[in-house]
Structure formats: C-alpha cells, structure tokens
Amino acid sequence: MTPISPRRIQTTPGGYAFETREDAQRRINETYAGRGFEVFGLDADWEKDTVASKDGWWHNLINSSYIIDLKTLTEIPDGPAVNKRKD
C-alpha cells in the first residue's frame, strides 16, 4: 500500500475523496472522461479523514491514508468506498 504524504496534506487539501465508487466514477465522467483515470479505495474514515470540498460536491482527504488498488482485491467490502479503517 502507498501512503499519501502527510506533509502535503497538512499544507493543502488532499486529493478527491468520494463515499462510493459510483460517486468517484461520476467525477471522472464529469471532468476527466477519456483520460484513463481510475477509481482507487482509501483506508480512511469518512467523518474523520475527509472534509467537504469548497470546490464542488465531493470531499477532500485531510489525513494521511493508504491507497488501495481495488483491482487486486479478491473480495470487495460492502458499504462506502471509504470508512473502512478500524481505530
């Protein structure tokens, strides 16, 4: 797994964060269609690790989180794409 740099996130909003795969795909379709973007998972808590974006309907990541390559999972967890971390 690849952690997102906590130093970068402390000084700027983190990357996009979406509650579901469908929401992530919606944003790709809206802005990045045909450019080869993919949906990845985050090992993060929706309430603690993201905030509503000032730039749109999505959230931004605010805490360092691991990125999960969803294509390598043999079983997809139920529920939101984020909010899978156990504290």
N, C-alpha and C. Protein backbone atom coordinates (compact mmCIF):
# COMPACT_ATOMS: atom_id res chain seq x y z
N MET A 1 0.84 -1.18 0.00
CA MET A 1 0.00 0.00 0.00
C MET A 1 0.89 1.25 0.00
N THR A 2 0.40 2.30 -0.60
CA THR A 2 1.16 3.54 -0.69
C THR A 2 0.51 4.62 0.16
N PRO A 3 1.23 5.13 1.17
CA PRO A 3 0.63 6.22 1.95
C PRO A 3 0.72 7.54 1.20
N ILE A 4 -0.29 8.39 1.38
CA ILE A 4 -0.24 9.74 0.85
C ILE A 4 0.59 10.57 1.81
N SER A 5 1.44 11.43 1.30
CA SER A 5 2.34 12.22 2.14
C SER A 5 1.57 13.08 3.14
N PRO A 6 1.79 12.88 4.46
CA PRO A 6 1.10 13.72 5.44
C PRO A 6 1.55 15.18 5.37
N ARG A 7 2.78 15.44 4.96
CA ARG A 7 3.27 16.81 4.86
C ARG A 7 2.46 17.58 3.82
N ARG A 8 2.19 16.97 2.67
CA ARG A 8 1.42 17.64 1.63
C ARG A 8 -0.01 17.91 2.09
N ILE A 9 -0.59 16.96 2.76
CA ILE A 9 -1.98 17.10 3.18
C ILE A 9 -2.13 18.17 4.26
N GLN A 10 -1.14 18.35 5.10
CA GLN A 10 -1.23 19.37 6.14
C GLN A 10 -1.22 20.78 5.57
N THR A 11 -0.61 20.98 4.40
CA THR A 11 -0.49 22.32 3.84
C THR A 11 -1.49 22.61 2.74
N THR A 12 -2.06 21.59 2.13
CA THR A 12 -3.04 21.77 1.07
C THR A 12 -4.12 20.72 1.22
N PRO A 13 -5.31 20.96 0.63
CA PRO A 13 -6.32 19.90 0.67
C PRO A 13 -5.79 18.65 -0.03
N GLY A 14 -6.13 17.51 0.50
CA GLY A 14 -5.70 16.27 -0.14
C GLY A 14 -6.48 16.03 -1.41
N GLY A 15 -6.28 14.88 -1.97
CA GLY A 15 -6.96 14.52 -3.20
C GLY A 15 -8.45 14.34 -2.99
N TYR A 16 -9.12 14.09 -4.11
CA TYR A 16 -10.55 13.81 -4.05
C TYR A 16 -10.83 12.65 -3.10
N ALA A 17 -11.96 12.70 -2.42
CA ALA A 17 -12.46 11.59 -1.63
C ALA A 17 -13.96 11.48 -1.89
N PHE A 18 -14.41 10.26 -2.21
CA PHE A 18 -15.81 10.02 -2.53
C PHE A 18 -16.31 8.91 -1.63
N GLU A 19 -17.58 8.98 -1.29
CA GLU A 19 -18.15 7.98 -0.39
C GLU A 19 -18.40 6.65 -1.08
N THR A 20 -18.63 6.68 -2.38
CA THR A 20 -18.90 5.43 -3.12
C THR A 20 -18.10 5.40 -4.41
N ARG A 21 -17.94 4.21 -4.96
CA ARG A 21 -17.31 4.06 -6.27
C ARG A 21 -18.09 4.81 -7.34
N GLU A 22 -19.40 4.77 -7.21
CA GLU A 22 -20.25 5.44 -8.19
C GLU A 22 -20.01 6.95 -8.19
N ASP A 23 -19.83 7.54 -7.01
CA ASP A 23 -19.54 8.97 -6.93
C ASP A 23 -18.18 9.28 -7.56
N ALA A 24 -17.20 8.43 -7.30
CA ALA A 24 -15.88 8.64 -7.90
C ALA A 24 -15.97 8.56 -9.42
N GLN A 25 -16.70 7.58 -9.92
CA GLN A 25 -16.85 7.45 -11.37
C GLN A 25 -17.61 8.64 -11.95
N ARG A 26 -18.58 9.15 -11.22
CA ARG A 26 -19.32 10.34 -11.67
C ARG A 26 -18.37 11.51 -11.90
N ARG A 27 -17.44 11.74 -10.93
CA ARG A 27 -16.49 12.85 -11.07
C ARG A 27 -15.56 12.64 -12.26
N ILE A 28 -15.11 11.41 -12.45
CA ILE A 28 -14.28 11.11 -13.62
C ILE A 28 -15.04 11.42 -14.89
N ASN A 29 -16.28 10.99 -14.97
CA ASN A 29 -17.10 11.23 -16.17
C ASN A 29 -17.33 12.72 -16.40
N GLU A 30 -17.51 13.48 -15.31
CA GLU A 30 -17.76 14.92 -15.43
C GLU A 30 -16.55 15.69 -15.95
N THR A 31 -15.39 15.32 -15.50
CA THR A 31 -14.22 16.16 -15.72
C THR A 31 -13.07 15.49 -16.47
N TYR A 32 -12.94 14.19 -16.34
CA TYR A 32 -11.75 13.51 -16.86
C TYR A 32 -12.06 12.38 -17.84
N ALA A 33 -13.22 12.38 -18.43
CA ALA A 33 -13.63 11.29 -19.33
C ALA A 33 -12.60 11.10 -20.45
N GLY A 34 -12.29 9.84 -20.71
CA GLY A 34 -11.38 9.51 -21.79
C GLY A 34 -9.91 9.74 -21.51
N ARG A 35 -9.58 10.08 -20.26
CA ARG A 35 -8.19 10.39 -19.93
C ARG A 35 -7.51 9.29 -19.12
N GLY A 36 -8.15 8.14 -18.98
CA GLY A 36 -7.53 6.99 -18.33
C GLY A 36 -7.53 7.01 -16.81
N PHE A 37 -8.36 7.84 -16.19
CA PHE A 37 -8.43 7.87 -14.74
C PHE A 37 -9.13 6.62 -14.22
N GLU A 38 -8.74 6.17 -13.02
CA GLU A 38 -9.34 5.00 -12.40
C GLU A 38 -9.76 5.33 -10.97
N VAL A 39 -10.61 4.47 -10.41
CA VAL A 39 -11.08 4.63 -9.04
C VAL A 39 -10.22 3.74 -8.14
N PHE A 40 -9.73 4.33 -7.04
CA PHE A 40 -8.98 3.60 -6.03
C PHE A 40 -9.70 3.74 -4.70
N GLY A 41 -9.44 2.83 -3.78
CA GLY A 41 -10.01 2.91 -2.44
C GLY A 41 -9.07 3.64 -1.50
N LEU A 42 -9.60 4.06 -0.37
CA LEU A 42 -8.82 4.68 0.69
C LEU A 42 -9.08 3.95 2.00
N ASP A 43 -8.03 3.70 2.75
CA ASP A 43 -8.18 3.15 4.09
C ASP A 43 -8.33 4.35 5.02
N ALA A 44 -9.54 4.89 5.08
CA ALA A 44 -9.80 6.14 5.78
C ALA A 44 -11.20 6.12 6.38
N ASP A 45 -11.43 7.02 7.31
CA ASP A 45 -12.75 7.19 7.91
C ASP A 45 -13.40 8.43 7.28
N TRP A 46 -14.58 8.27 6.73
CA TRP A 46 -15.27 9.36 6.02
C TRP A 46 -15.44 10.59 6.89
N GLU A 47 -15.83 10.42 8.13
CA GLU A 47 -16.09 11.55 9.02
C GLU A 47 -14.81 12.20 9.56
N LYS A 48 -13.78 11.41 9.84
CA LYS A 48 -12.56 11.93 10.47
C LYS A 48 -11.49 12.35 9.46
N ASP A 49 -11.46 11.71 8.32
CA ASP A 49 -10.33 11.89 7.39
C ASP A 49 -10.66 12.69 6.14
N THR A 50 -11.91 13.13 6.00
CA THR A 50 -12.29 13.94 4.84
C THR A 50 -13.11 15.14 5.27
N VAL A 51 -13.12 16.16 4.43
CA VAL A 51 -13.98 17.33 4.64
C VAL A 51 -14.62 17.69 3.32
N ALA A 52 -15.78 18.32 3.40
CA ALA A 52 -16.45 18.76 2.18
C ALA A 52 -15.55 19.74 1.43
N SER A 53 -15.46 19.57 0.13
CA SER A 53 -14.62 20.44 -0.69
C SER A 53 -15.30 21.79 -0.89
N LYS A 54 -14.52 22.84 -0.90
CA LYS A 54 -15.07 24.16 -1.21
C LYS A 54 -15.26 24.33 -2.71
N ASP A 55 -14.74 23.38 -3.49
CA ASP A 55 -14.77 23.48 -4.95
C ASP A 55 -15.86 22.66 -5.63
N GLY A 56 -16.62 21.86 -4.87
CA GLY A 56 -17.64 21.04 -5.51
C GLY A 56 -18.35 20.13 -4.53
N TRP A 57 -19.07 19.16 -5.06
CA TRP A 57 -19.92 18.27 -4.28
C TRP A 57 -19.16 17.14 -3.58
N TRP A 58 -17.89 16.95 -3.88
CA TRP A 58 -17.07 15.87 -3.34
C TRP A 58 -16.41 16.31 -2.03
N HIS A 59 -15.62 15.42 -1.45
CA HIS A 59 -14.82 15.71 -0.26
C HIS A 59 -13.35 15.72 -0.63
N ASN A 60 -12.51 16.26 0.27
CA ASN A 60 -11.06 16.20 0.15
C ASN A 60 -10.51 15.42 1.34
N LEU A 61 -9.46 14.68 1.08
CA LEU A 61 -8.77 13.94 2.13
C LEU A 61 -7.95 14.92 2.97
N ILE A 62 -8.04 14.80 4.29
CA ILE A 62 -7.28 15.72 5.16
C ILE A 62 -6.26 15.01 6.03
N ASN A 63 -6.30 13.69 6.10
CA ASN A 63 -5.33 12.93 6.88
C ASN A 63 -4.65 11.90 5.99
N SER A 64 -3.41 11.60 6.31
CA SER A 64 -2.67 10.59 5.56
C SER A 64 -3.44 9.27 5.58
N SER A 65 -3.60 8.67 4.40
CA SER A 65 -4.35 7.41 4.28
C SER A 65 -3.70 6.53 3.23
N TYR A 66 -3.86 5.24 3.40
CA TYR A 66 -3.34 4.31 2.41
C TYR A 66 -4.29 4.24 1.22
N ILE A 67 -3.70 4.15 0.04
CA ILE A 67 -4.46 3.99 -1.20
C ILE A 67 -4.56 2.49 -1.48
N ILE A 68 -5.74 2.03 -1.83
CA ILE A 68 -5.98 0.62 -2.08
C ILE A 68 -6.31 0.42 -3.55
N ASP A 69 -5.55 -0.46 -4.21
CA ASP A 69 -5.82 -0.79 -5.61
C ASP A 69 -6.98 -1.78 -5.62
N LEU A 70 -8.16 -1.31 -5.96
CA LEU A 70 -9.37 -2.14 -5.89
C LEU A 70 -9.34 -3.30 -6.88
N LYS A 71 -8.54 -3.20 -7.93
CA LYS A 71 -8.47 -4.28 -8.91
C LYS A 71 -7.79 -5.52 -8.35
N THR A 72 -6.99 -5.36 -7.30
CA THR A 72 -6.26 -6.50 -6.74
C THR A 72 -7.03 -7.20 -5.62
N LEU A 73 -8.13 -6.62 -5.18
CA LEU A 73 -8.92 -7.25 -4.12
C LEU A 73 -9.68 -8.44 -4.68
N THR A 74 -9.70 -9.52 -3.92
CA THR A 74 -10.49 -10.68 -4.35
C THR A 74 -11.92 -10.58 -3.83
N GLU A 75 -12.12 -9.80 -2.80
CA GLU A 75 -13.46 -9.58 -2.26
C GLU A 75 -13.63 -8.10 -1.98
N ILE A 76 -14.68 -7.50 -2.52
CA ILE A 76 -14.93 -6.08 -2.33
C ILE A 76 -15.78 -5.90 -1.07
N PRO A 77 -15.32 -5.08 -0.11
CA PRO A 77 -16.12 -4.86 1.10
C PRO A 77 -17.44 -4.17 0.78
N ASP A 78 -18.45 -4.46 1.58
CA ASP A 78 -19.74 -3.78 1.45
C ASP A 78 -19.62 -2.37 1.99
N GLY A 79 -20.53 -1.50 1.57
CA GLY A 79 -20.60 -0.16 2.12
C GLY A 79 -19.79 0.85 1.33
N PRO A 80 -19.60 2.03 1.94
CA PRO A 80 -18.90 3.11 1.26
C PRO A 80 -17.48 2.74 0.87
N ALA A 81 -16.94 3.44 -0.11
CA ALA A 81 -15.59 3.18 -0.58
C ALA A 81 -14.56 3.56 0.48
N VAL A 82 -14.89 4.52 1.33
CA VAL A 82 -14.03 4.85 2.46
C VAL A 82 -14.77 4.47 3.72
N ASN A 83 -14.22 4.76 4.86
CA ASN A 83 -14.82 4.40 6.14
C ASN A 83 -14.58 2.94 6.49
N LYS A 84 -13.41 2.43 6.11
CA LYS A 84 -13.08 1.05 6.40
C LYS A 84 -12.00 0.90 7.47
N ARG A 85 -11.43 2.01 7.96
CA ARG A 85 -10.36 1.92 8.94
C ARG A 85 -10.93 1.60 10.30
N LYS A 86 -10.22 0.74 11.01
CA LYS A 86 -10.62 0.40 12.38
C LYS A 86 -9.64 1.10 13.32
N ASP A 87 -10.14 2.01 14.14
CA ASP A 87 -9.28 2.76 15.07
C ASP A 87 -9.02 1.96 16.33
